[in-house]
Structure formats: structure tokens, C-alpha cells
């Protein structure tokens, strides 16, 4: 199962990397066409807008996996290790349910947009709106994984206190 999750994580990571490279390349191309060649790409701005929205939702799913979203832990800091982990698992589970509710509601938007096309590129808008259920669903999956990791951590001993002079944590490392 870990191998499947590693492929899942790597696929999401590389998809975000590739889409970011495409966004940067297309943004540069659009500027060159507009200001150097004095002829803009009629579909460039719309393409960049939709690609940015896809990147936000896929990047949020990636950030959820790496636990780099903002959290408020002032209330859980005084708790024991076990209760802190149980509380984090409960918060992750509630967040997962909330995200699944949003993903389900966003499917209505996708259904209502069938038959509508984008202005410049002529793409079906249901493909553009699919980002909402896909991105929210990926975030929900990662929150559920986070809840499971917190439950597993609750049954272990608390980590040793940090030593002075220790390097800051690598935020891009996979949490296990």
C-alpha cells in the first residue's frame, strides 16, 4: 500500500511541477507576443487563468499532504502527546468530511456547466469546473491519510525534545 501512496504522491507532485512550468512558459510566451511581436494570443489569457485555478487546487492538495497549511495549535500545545494526536486526528477527519461535502456540492456546478464553452478557447466548461471536485477530493484523501497518521502517532511514545542548534525541518519531506 505504501508503494501505491508513493506513486500517488509523486504523480501529484510532478503534475504540479509540469503545470507550473507550462504556466511560466505560457506566461512568458504571452508577454513576448504582446510586447515584442505586437500581436497577442487571443486564447493566452484565458488559458493562463484556467491553468492557474487548476494549479491552486492541485497545489492545495499537495500542501495538505505535506502538512504545510496554516494550523492553529495554541489550544493543543498544553495537551499530552496522545491527546494532541487524537485531537489532530479528529480535526483532520472533520476537515475530510467538510472537503467531501464541498466536492459533492461542486459536482452540481460541473453538471450545470455541461454544454457551455469558454469564450476564447471554446473548451467545454465542465472540464474547467472539474478542478473543484478533483482538487477537493484529493485534499480530502490527504486529510484522511493525515488522520490515520495522527492515530498511529498517538499509540507511540512522544518524540524526543528538539536539541539546541538542530537544523530546521525540511518542509518538502514526506510526513510518514
Protein backbone atom coordinates (compact mmCIF):
# COMPACT_ATOMS: atom_id res chain seq x y z
CA UNK A 1 0.00 0.00 0.00
CA UNK A 2 2.87 2.37 0.74
CA UNK A 3 4.12 1.92 -2.80
CA UNK A 4 0.73 2.99 -4.18
CA UNK A 5 0.72 6.08 -1.95
CA UNK A 6 4.27 6.94 -3.06
CA UNK A 7 3.16 6.79 -6.70
CA UNK A 8 0.10 8.86 -5.85
CA UNK A 9 2.23 11.50 -4.09
CA UNK A 10 4.88 11.53 -6.81
CA UNK A 11 2.24 11.82 -9.54
CA UNK A 12 0.59 14.76 -7.84
CA UNK A 13 3.96 16.42 -7.23
CA UNK A 14 5.11 16.04 -10.85
CA UNK A 15 1.74 17.15 -12.19
CA UNK A 16 2.06 20.38 -10.19
CA UNK A 17 5.67 20.83 -11.35
CA UNK A 18 4.76 20.31 -15.02
CA UNK A 19 1.74 22.59 -14.85
CA UNK A 20 3.84 25.27 -13.14
CA UNK A 21 6.43 25.02 -15.92
CA UNK A 22 3.69 25.26 -18.54
CA UNK A 23 2.22 28.29 -16.74
CA UNK A 24 5.60 30.04 -16.64
CA UNK A 25 6.36 29.20 -20.26
CA UNK A 26 2.96 30.28 -21.50
CA UNK A 27 3.09 33.47 -19.44
CA UNK A 28 6.46 34.31 -20.95
CA UNK A 29 5.18 33.49 -24.46
CA UNK A 30 2.13 35.69 -23.97
CA UNK A 31 4.30 38.63 -22.90
CA UNK A 32 6.65 38.15 -25.87
CA UNK A 33 3.73 38.01 -28.31
CA UNK A 34 2.06 41.05 -26.80
CA UNK A 35 5.02 43.42 -26.30
CA UNK A 36 7.67 42.24 -28.76
CA UNK A 37 5.62 40.95 -31.68
CA UNK A 38 2.71 43.39 -31.04
CA UNK A 39 0.20 40.60 -31.61
CA UNK A 40 -1.39 38.93 -28.64
CA UNK A 41 -2.53 35.34 -28.47
CA UNK A 42 -6.32 35.59 -28.28
CA UNK A 43 -6.56 32.50 -26.06
CA UNK A 44 -3.44 33.04 -23.92
CA UNK A 45 -5.00 34.94 -21.02
CA UNK A 46 -7.91 32.53 -20.71
CA UNK A 47 -5.54 29.54 -20.80
CA UNK A 48 -3.39 31.10 -18.05
CA UNK A 49 -6.46 31.86 -15.93
CA UNK A 50 -7.78 28.29 -16.05
CA UNK A 51 -4.33 26.77 -15.57
CA UNK A 52 -3.80 28.97 -12.51
CA UNK A 53 -7.05 27.74 -10.99
CA UNK A 54 -6.04 24.12 -11.59
CA UNK A 55 -2.65 24.82 -10.00
CA UNK A 56 -4.22 26.37 -6.92
CA UNK A 57 -6.38 23.33 -6.21
CA UNK A 58 -3.75 20.72 -7.05
CA UNK A 59 -1.16 22.70 -5.08
CA UNK A 60 -3.54 22.85 -2.12
CA UNK A 61 -3.85 19.05 -2.27
CA UNK A 62 -0.06 18.80 -2.30
CA UNK A 63 0.22 21.24 0.60
CA UNK A 64 -2.35 19.21 2.52
CA UNK A 65 -0.23 16.11 2.05
CA UNK A 66 2.91 17.82 3.32
CA UNK A 67 1.07 19.43 6.26
CA UNK A 68 2.17 22.93 5.32
CA UNK A 69 -1.22 24.62 5.53
CA UNK A 70 -1.77 27.06 8.37
CA UNK A 71 -2.89 25.43 11.61
CA UNK A 72 -3.77 26.91 14.96
CA UNK A 73 -2.25 24.75 17.67
CA UNK A 74 -2.34 27.10 20.64
CA UNK A 75 -5.08 25.00 22.28
CA UNK A 76 -3.38 21.66 21.73
CA UNK A 77 0.12 22.61 22.85
CA UNK A 78 -0.59 22.11 26.58
CA UNK A 79 -2.11 18.66 25.93
CA UNK A 80 -0.23 15.43 26.35
CA UNK A 81 1.25 13.84 23.24
CA UNK A 82 -1.53 11.24 22.98
CA UNK A 83 -4.39 13.74 23.33
CA UNK A 84 -2.73 16.17 20.94
CA UNK A 85 -2.56 13.40 18.30
CA UNK A 86 -6.17 12.32 18.93
CA UNK A 87 -7.33 15.93 18.62
CA UNK A 88 -5.36 16.38 15.39
CA UNK A 89 -6.90 13.16 14.04
CA UNK A 90 -10.39 14.41 14.89
CA UNK A 91 -9.73 17.77 13.23
CA UNK A 92 -8.38 16.02 10.12
CA UNK A 93 -11.44 13.75 10.00
CA UNK A 94 -13.87 16.67 10.29
CA UNK A 95 -11.87 18.56 7.64
CA UNK A 96 -12.05 15.50 5.39
CA UNK A 97 -15.83 15.33 5.76
CA UNK A 98 -16.13 19.06 5.06
CA UNK A 99 -13.98 18.75 1.93
CA UNK A 100 -16.02 15.77 0.72
CA UNK A 101 -19.20 17.83 1.23
CA UNK A 102 -17.73 20.67 -0.82
CA UNK A 103 -16.59 18.24 -3.53
CA UNK A 104 -20.08 16.76 -3.68
CA UNK A 105 -21.67 20.21 -3.92
CA UNK A 106 -19.21 21.25 -6.62
CA UNK A 107 -20.36 18.35 -8.79
CA UNK A 108 -23.61 20.30 -9.26
CA UNK A 109 -21.58 23.13 -10.78
CA UNK A 110 -19.97 20.67 -13.17
CA UNK A 111 -23.39 19.24 -14.14
CA UNK A 112 -24.87 22.70 -14.71
CA UNK A 113 -21.96 23.74 -16.94
CA UNK A 114 -22.44 20.94 -19.47
CA UNK A 115 -22.91 22.45 -22.90
CA UNK A 116 -21.24 25.77 -22.04
CA UNK A 117 -17.94 26.57 -23.75
CA UNK A 118 -15.19 29.01 -22.82
CA UNK A 119 -15.09 32.32 -24.66
CA UNK A 120 -11.68 32.24 -26.35
CA UNK A 121 -10.60 28.61 -26.47
CA UNK A 122 -14.01 27.03 -26.97
CA UNK A 123 -13.31 24.33 -24.35
CA UNK A 124 -16.23 22.71 -22.55
CA UNK A 125 -16.56 24.44 -19.19
CA UNK A 126 -17.30 21.19 -17.37
CA UNK A 127 -13.59 20.35 -17.85
CA UNK A 128 -12.62 23.65 -16.30
CA UNK A 129 -15.01 23.17 -13.37
CA UNK A 130 -13.84 19.61 -12.74
CA UNK A 131 -10.96 21.15 -10.83
CA UNK A 132 -13.24 21.72 -7.84
CA UNK A 133 -14.34 18.13 -7.15
CA UNK A 134 -10.93 16.73 -8.14
CA UNK A 135 -8.90 19.17 -6.04
CA UNK A 136 -11.24 18.97 -3.05
CA UNK A 137 -11.36 15.18 -3.33
CA UNK A 138 -7.55 14.95 -3.37
CA UNK A 139 -7.41 17.22 -0.32
CA UNK A 140 -9.97 15.00 1.44
CA UNK A 141 -7.91 11.89 0.68
CA UNK A 142 -4.80 13.54 2.07
CA UNK A 143 -6.68 14.71 5.19
CA UNK A 144 -7.87 11.16 5.77
CA UNK A 145 -4.29 9.94 5.44
CA UNK A 146 -3.25 12.62 7.90
CA UNK A 147 -5.91 11.48 10.38
CA UNK A 148 -4.63 7.91 10.10
CA UNK A 149 -1.04 9.10 10.67
CA UNK A 150 -2.13 11.02 13.79
CA UNK A 151 -3.95 7.98 15.15
CA UNK A 152 -0.85 5.86 14.58
CA UNK A 153 1.33 8.50 16.26
CA UNK A 154 -0.99 8.56 19.28
CA UNK A 155 -0.07 4.97 20.06
CA UNK A 156 3.67 5.67 20.06
CA UNK A 157 5.91 7.44 22.53
CA UNK A 158 6.21 11.20 22.19
CA UNK A 159 9.14 12.42 20.12
CA UNK A 160 12.29 13.49 21.92
CA UNK A 161 12.57 17.23 22.60
CA UNK A 162 14.48 19.16 19.98
CA UNK A 163 18.15 19.69 20.62
CA UNK A 164 19.58 23.21 20.53
CA UNK A 165 21.29 24.03 17.26
CA UNK A 166 19.29 21.47 15.31
CA UNK A 167 18.55 22.32 11.68
CA UNK A 168 15.00 23.50 10.87
CA UNK A 169 12.67 20.82 9.50
CA UNK A 170 12.55 20.18 5.76
CA UNK A 171 9.03 21.25 4.77
CA UNK A 172 9.19 19.33 1.50
CA UNK A 173 9.98 15.98 3.09
CA UNK A 174 7.15 13.47 3.14
CA UNK A 175 5.49 13.08 6.52
CA UNK A 176 5.34 9.45 7.48
